[in-house]
């Protein structure tokens, strides 16, 4: 499970986890630097970045 506020890479783009759903298959909402948001990204597609 990825914590809220974690910097991640999704589809080759950097972002920050701003929401998550943990029932069933975990998914995440990720905010990108341009302000757009990716919703319900499957956990397998979210790669945490090293701090």
Protein backbone atom coordinates (compact mmCIF):
# COMPACT_ATOMS: atom_id res chain seq x y z
CA UNK A 1 0.00 0.00 0.00
CA UNK A 2 1.27 3.45 -0.96
CA UNK A 3 0.79 6.22 1.62
CA UNK A 4 -0.97 9.50 0.89
CA UNK A 5 1.50 12.21 -0.13
CA UNK A 6 3.99 9.72 -1.62
CA UNK A 7 5.75 10.83 -4.79
CA UNK A 8 5.11 8.24 -7.52
CA UNK A 9 5.59 7.56 -11.20
CA UNK A 10 2.55 6.53 -13.27
CA UNK A 11 2.67 5.94 -17.02
CA UNK A 12 6.11 7.58 -17.12
CA UNK A 13 4.87 10.74 -15.37
CA UNK A 14 5.71 11.95 -11.86
CA UNK A 15 2.90 12.69 -9.43
CA UNK A 16 1.72 12.61 -5.82
CA UNK A 17 -0.82 10.21 -4.30
CA UNK A 18 -3.76 12.29 -3.05
CA UNK A 19 -6.38 9.58 -2.55
CA UNK A 20 -6.82 5.84 -2.36
CA UNK A 21 -9.48 3.15 -2.28
CA UNK A 22 -8.46 0.01 -0.42
CA UNK A 23 -11.52 -2.22 -0.78
CA UNK A 24 -10.98 -5.12 -3.18
CA UNK A 25 -8.15 -4.13 -5.52
CA UNK A 26 -6.42 -0.97 -4.23
CA UNK A 27 -6.51 2.05 -6.54
CA UNK A 28 -5.04 5.53 -6.19
CA UNK A 29 -5.79 9.08 -7.27
CA UNK A 30 -2.60 10.82 -8.41
CA UNK A 31 -2.10 14.58 -8.93
CA UNK A 32 0.34 15.48 -11.69
CA UNK A 33 2.58 18.60 -11.73
CA UNK A 34 0.34 20.37 -14.28
CA UNK A 35 -2.58 20.11 -11.81
CA UNK A 36 -4.41 17.35 -13.66
CA UNK A 37 -5.40 14.18 -11.85
CA UNK A 38 -5.41 10.49 -12.70
CA UNK A 39 -8.25 8.71 -10.90
CA UNK A 40 -8.51 5.06 -9.87
CA UNK A 41 -5.01 4.05 -10.98
CA UNK A 42 -4.46 0.35 -10.16
CA UNK A 43 -1.78 -0.36 -7.55
CA UNK A 44 0.29 -2.33 -10.07
CA UNK A 45 0.69 0.87 -12.18
CA UNK A 46 1.94 3.05 -9.28
CA UNK A 47 5.69 3.08 -8.67
CA UNK A 48 6.85 4.94 -5.54
CA UNK A 49 9.88 7.18 -6.10
CA UNK A 50 12.90 7.09 -3.82
CA UNK A 51 12.94 9.95 -1.32
